[in-house]
Amino acid sequence: MPRFILCFLALLLPRGFAQMPSPTAPPAANPHKHTLKATPKTVAWGYYDASAAPVLRIHSGDSVEFETLLTNSPTGLEKAGLPPEQVQQNLRDIYKEVTDKGPGGHILNGPVYIEEAEPGDTLEVRIQKIDLAIPYAYNAFGINRGFLPEDFPYRKMRIIPLDRDRMMAKFAPGIEIPLHPFFGSMGVAPPEAYGRIDSAPPGIHAGNMDNKELVAGTTLYLPVHARGALFEIGDGHAGQGNGEVDITALETSLTGTVQLLVHKGTQQKYPRAETPTHYISMGFHQELYEATRIAVREMIDFLATEKKMSREDAYMLISVAGDVDITELVDGNKGVHVMLPKAIFKN
């Protein structure tokens, strides 16, 4: 086989968490790069659904540049002090024209149908690039929302300027926050029996994970539950603290490019991820304790399956080298993730 073909195929082979016994689906002969703008015809407002009609069809190995929008209304932004001319026109169009909404509130781009994906496969999402689309973000809390609703039984919203040259948020005089943009929500359709589900609680479909580790250069591995996977993305964040305690981050519009690859017959059960330096397992549940149990067990399963460790040794390794972090506390299901450094493995 010619060397250039071998090199090309090597780029598409599984890595890290995707070191699975099943093969990668044969990539398209000439992988394509697609662009999906955020318009009234390309967004799923507040849901993941196995019966949703795809707005784009691609093949394993293709990449998509997504335009995504923040999740707030033009009216809300203007009331918070944003000049009307800074409200994106497509946000106005979507609020005016989209009538099929809910039960959640996120404006997600998609769904994207990957031709080779079937239930029992894994969808590898390589996050190649994320750019800020606008020079501002917002943060807000509201009545009966967030982690401390009894302490803040009212609404408040702040427009936060973003310095895209310095990659800093100007939160307040004398307070600047480094920017690390990521998509709060990336997911696939749940099993068909679930019907249309709310975009807010994360789950086995991933969705609204709000995991600030998933920046450009990281990879997400999602179990496929429905034909075509039906990938959706949105809820752009310029930055966030673990916990996301008031229910929002530095909410903003992002443009990002991801490559989507299918691994056949893996029977993966739960979302996983990896960064250049860490393996990440996740757990989602209404109870924080149960979410933590899921995340730790998922890391044990990874170490037993991929690193060929005994479950006892895996349990010990997580205790001495892993970090168990709260992802978010405010989306119905709590999120917990375990970070295990790659550097501890010498082969």
C-alpha atoms as a PDB file:
ATOM      1  CA  MET A   1       0.000   0.000   0.000  1.00  0.00           C
ATOM      2  CA  PRO A   2       1.440   3.459  -0.859  1.00  0.00           C
ATOM      3  CA  ARG A   3       2.942   5.268   2.112  1.00  0.00           C
ATOM      4  CA  PHE A   4       0.749   8.334   1.764  1.00  0.00           C
ATOM      5  CA  ILE A   5      -2.356   6.137   2.119  1.00  0.00           C
ATOM      6  CA  LEU A   6      -0.915   4.473   5.216  1.00  0.00           C
ATOM      7  CA  CYS A   7      -0.218   7.881   6.735  1.00  0.00           C
ATOM      8  CA  PHE A   8      -3.729   9.049   5.923  1.00  0.00           C
ATOM      9  CA  LEU A   9      -5.314   5.989   7.499  1.00  0.00           C
ATOM     10  CA  ALA A  10      -3.161   6.415  10.592  1.00  0.00           C
ATOM     11  CA  LEU A  11      -4.749   9.809  11.167  1.00  0.00           C
ATOM     12  CA  LEU A  12      -8.148   8.170  11.265  1.00  0.00           C
ATOM     13  CA  LEU A  13      -7.296   5.288  13.596  1.00  0.00           C
ATOM     14  CA  PRO A  14      -8.633   5.267  17.167  1.00  0.00           C
ATOM     15  CA  ARG A  15      -6.566   6.904  19.875  1.00  0.00           C
ATOM     16  CA  GLY A  16      -6.587   6.672  23.656  1.00  0.00           C
ATOM     17  CA  PHE A  17     -10.095   5.853  24.794  1.00  0.00           C
ATOM     18  CA  ALA A  18     -10.833   4.666  21.276  1.00  0.00           C
ATOM     19  CA  GLN A  19      -8.290   1.825  21.457  1.00  0.00           C
ATOM     20  CA  MET A  20     -11.103  -0.612  20.874  1.00  0.00           C
ATOM     21  CA  PRO A  21     -11.083  -4.087  19.290  1.00  0.00           C
ATOM     22  CA  SER A  22     -13.586  -3.046  16.627  1.00  0.00           C
ATOM     23  CA  PRO A  23     -12.384  -1.248  13.500  1.00  0.00           C
ATOM     24  CA  THR A  24     -12.942   2.303  12.420  1.00  0.00           C
ATOM     25  CA  ALA A  25     -15.594   2.524   9.721  1.00  0.00           C
ATOM     26  CA  PRO A  26     -13.932   2.891   6.310  1.00  0.00           C
ATOM     27  CA  PRO A  27     -13.570   6.644   5.762  1.00  0.00           C
ATOM     28  CA  ALA A  28     -14.879   8.310   2.655  1.00  0.00           C
ATOM     29  CA  ALA A  29     -12.463   8.114  -0.268  1.00  0.00           C
ATOM     30  CA  ASN A  30     -12.078  11.874  -0.067  1.00  0.00           C
ATOM     31  CA  PRO A  31     -13.151  13.153   3.363  1.00  0.00           C
ATOM     32  CA  HIS A  32     -15.082  16.365   3.025  1.00  0.00           C
ATOM     33  CA  LYS A  33     -15.227  19.489   5.123  1.00  0.00           C
ATOM     34  CA  HIS A  34     -18.754  20.791   5.531  1.00  0.00           C
ATOM     35  CA  THR A  35     -20.067  24.070   6.889  1.00  0.00           C
ATOM     36  CA  LEU A  36     -23.270  24.302   8.895  1.00  0.00           C
ATOM     37  CA  LYS A  37     -24.533  27.789   9.608  1.00  0.00           C
ATOM     38  CA  ALA A  38     -26.967  28.500  12.429  1.00  0.00           C
ATOM     39  CA  THR A  39     -30.287  29.346  10.765  1.00  0.00           C
ATOM     40  CA  PRO A  40     -33.955  28.693  11.505  1.00  0.00           C
ATOM     41  CA  LYS A  41     -33.673  25.592   9.291  1.00  0.00           C
ATOM     42  CA  THR A  42     -30.524  24.089  10.864  1.00  0.00           C
ATOM     43  CA  VAL A  43     -31.100  24.288  14.614  1.00  0.00           C
ATOM     44  CA  ALA A  44     -32.724  21.966  17.147  1.00  0.00           C
ATOM     45  CA  TRP A  45     -34.147  24.181  19.870  1.00  0.00           C
ATOM     46  CA  GLY A  46     -33.922  22.466  23.228  1.00  0.00           C
ATOM     47  CA  TYR A  47     -33.956  18.760  22.427  1.00  0.00           C
ATOM     48  CA  TYR A  48     -32.205  15.582  21.378  1.00  0.00           C
ATOM     49  CA  ASP A  49     -34.426  13.087  19.534  1.00  0.00           C
ATOM     50  CA  ALA A  50     -33.818   9.883  17.560  1.00  0.00           C
ATOM     51  CA  SER A  51     -36.701  10.786  15.241  1.00  0.00           C
ATOM     52  CA  ALA A  52     -35.421  14.282  14.425  1.00  0.00           C
ATOM     53  CA  ALA A  53     -34.849  14.982  10.728  1.00  0.00           C
ATOM     54  CA  PRO A  54     -31.148  15.529   9.962  1.00  0.00           C
ATOM     55  CA  VAL A  55     -30.099  18.879   8.537  1.00  0.00           C
ATOM     56  CA  LEU A  56     -26.806  17.510   7.162  1.00  0.00           C
ATOM     57  CA  ARG A  57     -25.586  14.055   6.099  1.00  0.00           C
ATOM     58  CA  ILE A  58     -21.898  13.211   6.150  1.00  0.00           C
ATOM     59  CA  HIS A  59     -19.556  10.205   6.149  1.00  0.00           C
ATOM     60  CA  SER A  60     -17.184   8.922   8.821  1.00  0.00           C
ATOM     61  CA  GLY A  61     -13.976  10.932   8.604  1.00  0.00           C
ATOM     62  CA  ASP A  62     -15.654  14.113   7.381  1.00  0.00           C
ATOM     63  CA  SER A  63     -15.318  17.329   9.344  1.00  0.00           C
ATOM     64  CA  VAL A  64     -17.902  20.018   9.955  1.00  0.00           C
ATOM     65  CA  GLU A  65     -17.444  23.681  10.759  1.00  0.00           C
ATOM     66  CA  PHE A  66     -20.372  24.615  12.997  1.00  0.00           C
ATOM     67  CA  GLU A  67     -21.675  28.097  13.628  1.00  0.00           C
ATOM     68  CA  THR A  68     -23.405  28.119  17.025  1.00  0.00           C
ATOM     69  CA  LEU A  69     -25.353  30.735  18.930  1.00  0.00           C
ATOM     70  CA  LEU A  70     -25.581  31.721  22.570  1.00  0.00           C
ATOM     71  CA  THR A  71     -28.749  30.759  24.384  1.00  0.00           C
ATOM     72  CA  ASN A  72     -30.537  33.999  25.163  1.00  0.00           C
ATOM     73  CA  SER A  73     -33.093  36.144  23.443  1.00  0.00           C
ATOM     74  CA  PRO A  74     -32.375  39.391  21.610  1.00  0.00           C
ATOM     75  CA  THR A  75     -34.727  41.111  24.044  1.00  0.00           C
ATOM     76  CA  GLY A  76     -32.919  39.676  27.050  1.00  0.00           C
ATOM     77  CA  LEU A  77     -29.538  40.762  25.745  1.00  0.00           C
ATOM     78  CA  GLU A  78     -30.765  44.278  25.026  1.00  0.00           C
ATOM     79  CA  LYS A  79     -32.374  44.608  28.465  1.00  0.00           C
ATOM     80  CA  ALA A  80     -29.019  43.693  29.981  1.00  0.00           C
ATOM     81  CA  GLY A  81     -27.420  46.604  28.160  1.00  0.00           C
ATOM     82  CA  LEU A  82     -26.174  45.132  24.881  1.00  0.00           C
ATOM     83  CA  PRO A  83     -26.526  47.636  22.016  1.00  0.00           C
ATOM     84  CA  PRO A  84     -29.157  46.340  19.544  1.00  0.00           C
ATOM     85  CA  GLU A  85     -26.690  46.439  16.645  1.00  0.00           C
ATOM     86  CA  GLN A  86     -24.507  43.867  18.443  1.00  0.00           C
ATOM     87  CA  VAL A  87     -27.268  41.248  18.520  1.00  0.00           C
ATOM     88  CA  GLN A  88     -26.581  38.689  15.801  1.00  0.00           C
ATOM     89  CA  GLN A  89     -29.115  38.783  12.976  1.00  0.00           C
ATOM     90  CA  ASN A  90     -29.429  35.001  12.802  1.00  0.00           C
ATOM     91  CA  LEU A  91     -30.300  34.955  16.505  1.00  0.00           C
ATOM     92  CA  ARG A  92     -33.126  37.386  15.744  1.00  0.00           C
ATOM     93  CA  ASP A  93     -34.209  35.216  12.805  1.00  0.00           C
ATOM     94  CA  ILE A  94     -34.244  32.034  14.888  1.00  0.00           C
ATOM     95  CA  TYR A  95     -36.246  33.622  17.705  1.00  0.00           C
ATOM     96  CA  LYS A  96     -38.707  34.956  15.156  1.00  0.00           C
ATOM     97  CA  GLU A  97     -39.109  31.906  12.919  1.00  0.00           C
ATOM     98  CA  VAL A  98     -38.514  28.718  14.929  1.00  0.00           C
ATOM     99  CA  THR A  99     -41.729  27.402  16.453  1.00  0.00           C
ATOM    100  CA  ASP A 100     -40.760  23.776  17.186  1.00  0.00           C
ATOM    101  CA  LYS A 101     -39.131  24.306  20.577  1.00  0.00           C
ATOM    102  CA  GLY A 102     -38.386  22.503  23.786  1.00  0.00           C
ATOM    103  CA  PRO A 103     -38.604  21.025  26.254  1.00  0.00           C
ATOM    104  CA  GLY A 104     -35.162  22.613  26.851  1.00  0.00           C
ATOM    105  CA  GLY A 105     -33.825  26.047  25.984  1.00  0.00           C
ATOM    106  CA  HIS A 106     -30.525  25.459  24.169  1.00  0.00           C
ATOM    107  CA  ILE A 107     -30.179  26.469  20.530  1.00  0.00           C
ATOM    108  CA  LEU A 108     -28.246  23.498  19.118  1.00  0.00           C
ATOM    109  CA  ASN A 109     -26.911  23.136  15.594  1.00  0.00           C
ATOM    110  CA  GLY A 110     -27.927  19.885  13.906  1.00  0.00           C
ATOM    111  CA  PRO A 111     -28.678  17.069  13.947  1.00  0.00           C
ATOM    112  CA  VAL A 112     -25.933  15.755  11.682  1.00  0.00           C
ATOM    113  CA  TYR A 113     -26.418  12.233  10.328  1.00  0.00           C
ATOM    114  CA  ILE A 114     -23.249  10.130   9.951  1.00  0.00           C
ATOM    115  CA  GLU A 115     -24.005   7.504   7.328  1.00  0.00           C
ATOM    116  CA  GLU A 116     -21.962   4.689   8.849  1.00  0.00           C
ATOM    117  CA  ALA A 117     -23.189   5.083  12.447  1.00  0.00           C
ATOM    118  CA  GLU A 118     -25.465   2.449  13.974  1.00  0.00           C
ATOM    119  CA  PRO A 119     -26.530   1.575  17.522  1.00  0.00           C
ATOM    120  CA  GLY A 120     -23.669  -0.137  19.325  1.00  0.00           C
ATOM    121  CA  ASP A 121     -20.987   1.945  17.593  1.00  0.00           C
ATOM    122  CA  THR A 122     -18.885   4.775  19.017  1.00  0.00           C
ATOM    123  CA  LEU A 123     -18.780   8.253  17.517  1.00  0.00           C
ATOM    124  CA  GLU A 124     -15.380   9.876  17.954  1.00  0.00           C
ATOM    125  CA  VAL A 125     -15.590  13.667  18.007  1.00  0.00           C
ATOM    126  CA  ARG A 126     -12.215  15.296  17.406  1.00  0.00           C
ATOM    127  CA  ILE A 127     -12.488  18.947  18.420  1.00  0.00           C
ATOM    128  CA  GLN A 128     -10.081  20.605  16.022  1.00  0.00           C
ATOM    129  CA  LYS A 129     -10.777  24.317  16.365  1.00  0.00           C
ATOM    130  CA  ILE A 130     -12.949  26.698  18.398  1.00  0.00           C
ATOM    131  CA  ASP A 131     -13.182  30.450  17.760  1.00  0.00           C
ATOM    132  CA  LEU A 132     -15.107  33.237  19.452  1.00  0.00           C
ATOM    133  CA  ALA A 133     -17.790  34.529  17.094  1.00  0.00           C
ATOM    134  CA  ILE A 134     -18.700  37.727  18.968  1.00  0.00           C
ATOM    135  CA  PRO A 135     -16.851  40.121  21.324  1.00  0.00           C
ATOM    136  CA  TYR A 136     -19.077  39.565  24.350  1.00  0.00           C
ATOM    137  CA  ALA A 137     -20.562  36.939  26.633  1.00  0.00           C
ATOM    138  CA  TYR A 138     -23.222  37.016  29.288  1.00  0.00           C
ATOM    139  CA  ASN A 139     -23.728  35.457  32.692  1.00  0.00           C
ATOM    140  CA  ALA A 140     -27.095  35.268  34.399  1.00  0.00           C
ATOM    141  CA  PHE A 141     -29.079  33.615  37.137  1.00  0.00           C
ATOM    142  CA  GLY A 142     -32.823  33.515  37.680  1.00  0.00           C
ATOM    143  CA  ILE A 143     -35.637  32.626  40.026  1.00  0.00           C
ATOM    144  CA  ASN A 144     -35.533  28.969  41.136  1.00  0.00           C
ATOM    145  CA  ARG A 145     -32.404  28.338  39.114  1.00  0.00           C
ATOM    146  CA  GLY A 146     -28.767  27.707  39.943  1.00  0.00           C
ATOM    147  CA  PHE A 147     -27.253  25.998  42.982  1.00  0.00           C
ATOM    148  CA  LEU A 148     -28.397  28.600  45.545  1.00  0.00           C
ATOM    149  CA  PRO A 149     -31.881  29.692  44.420  1.00  0.00           C
ATOM    150  CA  GLU A 150     -32.940  30.360  48.030  1.00  0.00           C
ATOM    151  CA  ASP A 151     -30.124  32.922  48.358  1.00  0.00           C
ATOM    152  CA  PHE A 152     -30.851  34.691  45.061  1.00  0.00           C
ATOM    153  CA  PRO A 153     -34.633  34.638  44.456  1.00  0.00           C
ATOM    154  CA  TYR A 154     -34.507  37.150  41.606  1.00  0.00           C
ATOM    155  CA  ARG A 155     -32.961  37.638  38.169  1.00  0.00           C
ATOM    156  CA  LYS A 156     -29.719  39.309  37.199  1.00  0.00           C
ATOM    157  CA  MET A 157     -27.748  39.317  33.957  1.00  0.00           C
ATOM    158  CA  ARG A 158     -24.381  40.799  33.088  1.00  0.00           C
ATOM    159  CA  ILE A 159     -22.902  41.473  29.640  1.00  0.00           C
ATOM    160  CA  ILE A 160     -19.179  40.690  29.760  1.00  0.00           C
ATOM    161  CA  PRO A 161     -16.827  42.090  27.085  1.00  0.00           C
ATOM    162  CA  LEU A 162     -14.369  39.637  25.552  1.00  0.00           C
ATOM    163  CA  ASP A 163     -10.911  40.748  24.439  1.00  0.00           C
ATOM    164  CA  ARG A 164     -10.311  38.363  21.547  1.00  0.00           C
ATOM    165  CA  ASP A 165      -6.733  39.553  20.997  1.00  0.00           C
ATOM    166  CA  ARG A 166      -5.676  38.885  24.595  1.00  0.00           C
ATOM    167  CA  MET A 167      -8.222  36.081  25.132  1.00  0.00           C
ATOM    168  CA  MET A 168      -9.454  37.637  28.348  1.00  0.00           C
ATOM    169  CA  ALA A 169     -12.926  38.408  29.683  1.00  0.00           C
ATOM    170  CA  LYS A 170     -13.350  41.794  31.361  1.00  0.00           C
ATOM    171  CA  PHE A 171     -15.671  40.674  34.147  1.00  0.00           C
ATOM    172  CA  ALA A 172     -15.472  43.894  36.161  1.00  0.00           C
ATOM    173  CA  PRO A 173     -12.952  46.673  36.842  1.00  0.00           C
ATOM    174  CA  GLY A 174      -9.825  44.961  38.105  1.00  0.00           C
ATOM    175  CA  ILE A 175     -11.097  41.432  37.297  1.00  0.00           C
ATOM    176  CA  GLU A 176     -10.069  39.624  34.121  1.00  0.00           C
ATOM    177  CA  ILE A 177     -10.711  35.964  33.331  1.00  0.00           C
ATOM    178  CA  PRO A 178      -8.617  33.915  30.863  1.00  0.00           C
ATOM    179  CA  LEU A 179     -10.717  32.498  28.038  1.00  0.00           C
ATOM    180  CA  HIS A 180     -10.857  28.779  27.253  1.00  0.00           C
ATOM    181  CA  PRO A 181     -13.740  28.381  24.786  1.00  0.00           C
ATOM    182  CA  PHE A 182     -15.624  25.100  24.601  1.00  0.00           C
ATOM    183  CA  PHE A 183     -19.057  23.807  23.639  1.00  0.00           C
ATOM    184  CA  GLY A 184     -21.231  23.170  26.687  1.00  0.00           C
ATOM    185  CA  SER A 185     -23.397  20.746  24.735  1.00  0.00           C
ATOM    186  CA  MET A 186     -22.235  18.046  22.329  1.00  0.00           C
ATOM    187  CA  GLY A 187     -24.267  14.912  21.998  1.00  0.00           C
ATOM    188  CA  VAL A 188     -26.119  12.330  19.966  1.00  0.00           C
ATOM    189  CA  ALA A 189     -29.712  11.169  19.918  1.00  0.00           C
ATOM    190  CA  PRO A 190     -30.794   9.003  22.848  1.00  0.00           C
ATOM    191  CA  PRO A 191     -32.380   5.585  22.239  1.00  0.00           C
ATOM    192  CA  GLU A 192     -35.585   5.838  20.216  1.00  0.00           C
ATOM    193  CA  ALA A 193     -37.680   4.726  23.187  1.00  0.00           C
ATOM    194  CA  TYR A 194     -36.694   7.877  25.082  1.00  0.00           C
ATOM    195  CA  GLY A 195     -38.512  10.110  22.607  1.00  0.00           C
ATOM    196  CA  ARG A 196     -37.629  13.792  22.574  1.00  0.00           C
ATOM    197  CA  ILE A 197     -35.555  14.660  25.635  1.00  0.00           C
ATOM    198  CA  ASP A 198     -34.753  17.989  27.272  1.00  0.00           C
ATOM    199  CA  SER A 199     -31.427  19.469  26.161  1.00  0.00           C
ATOM    200  CA  ALA A 200     -30.541  20.512  29.724  1.00  0.00           C
ATOM    201  CA  PRO A 201     -29.760  17.311  31.677  1.00  0.00           C
ATOM    202  CA  PRO A 202     -26.699  15.429  30.397  1.00  0.00           C
ATOM    203  CA  GLY A 203     -26.922  11.661  30.142  1.00  0.00           C
ATOM    204  CA  ILE A 204     -25.864   8.603  28.163  1.00  0.00           C
ATOM    205  CA  HIS A 205     -26.278  10.691  25.014  1.00  0.00           C
ATOM    206  CA  ALA A 206     -23.784  13.247  26.502  1.00  0.00           C
ATOM    207  CA  GLY A 207     -25.500  16.550  25.619  1.00  0.00           C
ATOM    208  CA  ASN A 208     -25.216  19.410  28.095  1.00  0.00           C
ATOM    209  CA  MET A 209     -22.071  18.149  29.840  1.00  0.00           C
ATOM    210  CA  ASP A 210     -20.629  21.626  30.499  1.00  0.00           C
ATOM    211  CA  ASN A 211     -17.174  20.074  30.760  1.00  0.00           C
ATOM    212  CA  LYS A 212     -14.615  22.865  30.493  1.00  0.00           C
ATOM    213  CA  GLU A 213     -11.853  20.372  29.607  1.00  0.00           C
ATOM    214  CA  LEU A 214     -13.322  19.816  26.119  1.00  0.00           C
ATOM    215  CA  VAL A 215     -11.442  22.622  24.391  1.00  0.00           C
ATOM    216  CA  ALA A 216      -9.796  22.503  20.954  1.00  0.00           C
ATOM    217  CA  GLY A 217      -7.370  19.593  20.740  1.00  0.00           C
ATOM    218  CA  THR A 218      -9.470  17.232  22.849  1.00  0.00           C
ATOM    219  CA  THR A 219     -11.577  14.257  21.802  1.00  0.00           C
ATOM    220  CA  LEU A 220     -14.990  13.034  22.904  1.00  0.00           C
ATOM    221  CA  TYR A 221     -16.212   9.441  22.516  1.00  0.00           C
ATOM    222  CA  LEU A 222     -19.978   8.976  22.392  1.00  0.00           C
ATOM    223  CA  PRO A 223     -21.988   5.748  22.367  1.00  0.00           C
ATOM    224  CA  VAL A 224     -24.324   5.645  19.367  1.00  0.00           C
ATOM    225  CA  HIS A 225     -27.952   4.890  20.225  1.00  0.00           C
ATOM    226  CA  ALA A 226     -29.752   5.660  16.955  1.00  0.00           C
ATOM    227  CA  ARG A 227     -29.079   5.186  13.257  1.00  0.00           C
ATOM    228  CA  GLY A 228     -26.881   7.995  11.971  1.00  0.00           C
ATOM    229  CA  ALA A 229     -25.948   9.076  15.539  1.00  0.00           C
ATOM    230  CA  LEU A 230     -27.635  12.482  14.966  1.00  0.00           C
ATOM    231  CA  PHE A 231     -24.924  14.691  16.428  1.00  0.00           C
ATOM    232  CA  GLU A 232     -25.812  18.133  17.796  1.00  0.00           C
ATOM    233  CA  ILE A 233     -23.626  20.903  19.184  1.00  0.00           C
ATOM    234  CA  GLY A 234     -24.049  24.296  20.824  1.00  0.00           C
ATOM    235  CA  ASP A 235     -24.208  26.171  24.142  1.00  0.00           C
ATOM    236  CA  GLY A 236     -20.936  27.989  23.514  1.00  0.00           C
ATOM    237  CA  HIS A 237     -18.878  29.006  26.537  1.00  0.00           C
ATOM    238  CA  ALA A 238     -15.885  31.340  26.477  1.00  0.00           C
ATOM    239  CA  GLY A 239     -14.939  29.960  29.881  1.00  0.00           C
ATOM    240  CA  GLN A 240     -16.478  28.405  32.982  1.00  0.00           C
ATOM    241  CA  GLY A 241     -15.705  27.331  36.514  1.00  0.00           C
ATOM    242  CA  ASN A 242     -16.258  23.728  37.570  1.00  0.00           C
ATOM    243  CA  GLY A 243     -19.739  23.496  39.053  1.00  0.00           C
ATOM    244  CA  GLU A 244     -21.233  26.335  36.963  1.00  0.00           C
ATOM    245  CA  VAL A 245     -22.991  27.263  40.188  1.00  0.00           C
ATOM    246  CA  ASP A 246     -25.314  30.073  39.043  1.00  0.00           C
ATOM    247  CA  ILE A 247     -26.399  27.939  35.993  1.00  0.00           C
ATOM    248  CA  THR A 248     -24.528  29.874  33.307  1.00  0.00           C
ATOM    249  CA  ALA A 249     -20.914  30.272  32.242  1.00  0.00           C
ATOM    250  CA  LEU A 250     -19.391  32.922  29.986  1.00  0.00           C
ATOM    251  CA  GLU A 251     -22.182  32.247  27.510  1.00  0.00           C
ATOM    252  CA  THR A 252     -21.313  33.244  23.961  1.00  0.00           C
ATOM    253  CA  SER A 253     -21.519  32.302  20.296  1.00  0.00           C
ATOM    254  CA  LEU A 254     -18.760  30.092  18.909  1.00  0.00           C
ATOM    255  CA  THR A 255     -17.581  28.721  15.597  1.00  0.00           C
ATOM    256  CA  GLY A 256     -15.908  25.342  15.773  1.00  0.00           C
ATOM    257  CA  THR A 257     -14.635  22.540  13.572  1.00  0.00           C
ATOM    258  CA  VAL A 258     -14.965  18.898  14.584  1.00  0.00           C
ATOM    259  CA  GLN A 259     -14.079  15.692  12.767  1.00  0.00           C
ATOM    260  CA  LEU A 260     -16.532  12.828  13.221  1.00  0.00           C
ATOM    261  CA  LEU A 261     -15.405   9.205  12.969  1.00  0.00           C
ATOM    262  CA  VAL A 262     -17.332   5.990  13.566  1.00  0.00           C
ATOM    263  CA  HIS A 263     -15.888   2.965  15.396  1.00  0.00           C
ATOM    264  CA  LYS A 264     -17.951  -0.124  14.660  1.00  0.00           C
ATOM    265  CA  GLY A 265     -19.488  -2.476  17.199  1.00  0.00           C
ATOM    266  CA  THR A 266     -17.736  -1.156  20.293  1.00  0.00           C
ATOM    267  CA  GLN A 267     -20.783  -1.468  22.570  1.00  0.00           C
ATOM    268  CA  GLN A 268     -19.582   1.582  24.523  1.00  0.00           C
ATOM    269  CA  LYS A 269     -22.168   2.459  27.164  1.00  0.00           C
ATOM    270  CA  TYR A 270     -21.220   5.921  28.411  1.00  0.00           C
ATOM    271  CA  PRO A 271     -19.526   9.121  27.145  1.00  0.00           C
ATOM    272  CA  ARG A 272     -15.767   9.402  27.643  1.00  0.00           C
ATOM    273  CA  ALA A 273     -13.129  11.907  26.582  1.00  0.00           C
ATOM    274  CA  GLU A 274      -9.431  12.622  26.496  1.00  0.00           C
ATOM    275  CA  THR A 275      -7.180  15.639  26.370  1.00  0.00           C
ATOM    276  CA  PRO A 276      -3.521  15.642  25.279  1.00  0.00           C
ATOM    277  CA  THR A 277      -2.616  15.020  28.933  1.00  0.00           C
ATOM    278  CA  HIS A 278      -5.549  13.174  30.570  1.00  0.00           C
ATOM    279  CA  TYR A 279      -8.134  10.457  30.176  1.00  0.00           C
ATOM    280  CA  ILE A 280     -11.610  11.537  31.306  1.00  0.00           C
ATOM    281  CA  SER A 281     -14.540   9.439  32.480  1.00  0.00           C
ATOM    282  CA  MET A 282     -17.930  10.930  33.278  1.00  0.00           C
ATOM    283  CA  GLY A 283     -21.018  10.341  35.389  1.00  0.00           C
ATOM    284  CA  PHE A 284     -24.436  12.032  35.270  1.00  0.00           C
ATOM    285  CA  HIS A 285     -27.253  11.590  37.774  1.00  0.00           C
ATOM    286  CA  GLN A 286     -29.762  13.623  39.765  1.00  0.00           C
ATOM    287  CA  GLU A 287     -27.814  12.730  42.897  1.00  0.00           C
ATOM    288  CA  LEU A 288     -24.211  13.913  43.093  1.00  0.00           C
ATOM    289  CA  TYR A 289     -23.152  10.775  44.959  1.00  0.00           C
ATOM    290  CA  GLU A 290     -24.534   8.528  42.229  1.00  0.00           C
ATOM    291  CA  ALA A 291     -22.944  10.644  39.482  1.00  0.00           C
ATOM    292  CA  THR A 292     -19.606  10.185  41.239  1.00  0.00           C
ATOM    293  CA  ARG A 293     -20.072   6.416  41.462  1.00  0.00           C
ATOM    294  CA  ILE A 294     -20.754   6.253  37.733  1.00  0.00           C
ATOM    295  CA  ALA A 295     -17.689   8.347  36.842  1.00  0.00           C
ATOM    296  CA  VAL A 296     -15.344   6.293  39.023  1.00  0.00           C
ATOM    297  CA  ARG A 297     -16.742   2.998  37.736  1.00  0.00           C
ATOM    298  CA  GLU A 298     -16.377   4.217  34.156  1.00  0.00           C
ATOM    299  CA  MET A 299     -12.682   4.933  34.763  1.00  0.00           C
ATOM    300  CA  ILE A 300     -12.236   1.512  36.338  1.00  0.00           C
ATOM    301  CA  ASP A 301     -13.852  -0.041  33.261  1.00  0.00           C
ATOM    302  CA  PHE A 302     -11.519   1.901  30.974  1.00  0.00           C
ATOM    303  CA  LEU A 303      -8.407   0.841  32.863  1.00  0.00           C
ATOM    304  CA  ALA A 304      -9.531  -2.793  32.974  1.00  0.00           C
ATOM    305  CA  THR A 305     -10.429  -2.880  29.281  1.00  0.00           C
ATOM    306  CA  GLU A 306      -7.837  -0.648  27.650  1.00  0.00           C
ATOM    307  CA  LYS A 307      -4.900  -0.816  30.055  1.00  0.00           C
ATOM    308  CA  LYS A 308      -5.481  -4.503  30.959  1.00  0.00           C
ATOM    309  CA  MET A 309      -5.377  -3.771  34.687  1.00  0.00           C
ATOM    310  CA  SER A 310      -7.234  -5.742  37.322  1.00  0.00           C
ATOM    311  CA  ARG A 311     -10.244  -3.887  38.640  1.00  0.00           C
ATOM    312  CA  GLU A 312      -8.642  -3.830  42.090  1.00  0.00           C
ATOM    313  CA  ASP A 313      -5.481  -2.165  40.770  1.00  0.00           C
ATOM    314  CA  ALA A 314      -7.555   0.250  38.711  1.00  0.00           C
ATOM    315  CA  TYR A 315      -9.511   1.289  41.804  1.00  0.00           C
ATOM    316  CA  MET A 316      -6.255   1.879  43.673  1.00  0.00           C
ATOM    317  CA  LEU A 317      -4.705   3.829  40.800  1.00  0.00           C
ATOM    318  CA  ILE A 318      -7.631   6.228  40.600  1.00  0.00           C
ATOM    319  CA  SER A 319      -7.339   6.839  44.336  1.00  0.00           C
ATOM    320  CA  VAL A 320      -3.636   7.706  44.201  1.00  0.00           C
ATOM    321  CA  ALA A 321      -3.386   9.455  40.814  1.00  0.00           C
ATOM    322  CA  GLY A 322      -6.845  10.498  39.624  1.00  0.00           C
ATOM    323  CA  ASP A 323      -8.803  13.668  40.345  1.00  0.00           C
ATOM    324  CA  VAL A 324     -12.558  13.446  40.848  1.00  0.00           C
ATOM    325  CA  ASP A 325     -14.046  16.802  39.856  1.00  0.00           C
ATOM    326  CA  ILE A 326     -17.544  18.252  39.890  1.00  0.00           C
ATOM    327  CA  THR A 327     -18.402  19.204  36.329  1.00  0.00           C
ATOM    328  CA  GLU A 328     -21.694  20.971  37.009  1.00  0.00           C
ATOM    329  CA  LEU A 329     -24.368  21.097  39.716  1.00  0.00           C
ATOM    330  CA  VAL A 330     -27.263  22.823  38.019  1.00  0.00           C
ATOM    331  CA  ASP A 331     -28.650  20.986  34.988  1.00  0.00           C
ATOM    332  CA  GLY A 332     -31.078  18.515  36.518  1.00  0.00           C
ATOM    333  CA  ASN A 333     -28.516  15.738  36.354  1.00  0.00           C
ATOM    334  CA  LYS A 334     -25.321  16.599  38.199  1.00  0.00           C
ATOM    335  CA  GLY A 335     -22.050  15.960  36.377  1.00  0.00           C
ATOM    336  CA  VAL A 336     -18.833  14.468  37.744  1.00  0.00           C
ATOM    337  CA  HIS A 337     -15.681  13.601  35.828  1.00  0.00           C
ATOM    338  CA  VAL A 338     -12.499  11.734  36.706  1.00  0.00           C
ATOM    339  CA  MET A 339      -9.207  13.073  35.323  1.00  0.00           C
ATOM    340  CA  LEU A 340      -6.384  10.520  35.048  1.00  0.00           C
ATOM    341  CA  PRO A 341      -3.000  11.785  33.794  1.00  0.00           C
ATOM    342  CA  LYS A 342      -1.523   9.976  30.804  1.00  0.00           C
ATOM    343  CA  ALA A 343       2.032  10.653  31.969  1.00  0.00           C
ATOM    344  CA  ILE A 344       1.799   7.944  34.642  1.00  0.00           C
ATOM    345  CA  PHE A 345       1.707   5.283  31.930  1.00  0.00           C
ATOM    346  CA  LYS A 346       5.209   4.587  30.645  1.00  0.00           C
ATOM    347  CA  ASN A 347       4.154   2.203  27.877  1.00  0.00           C
END
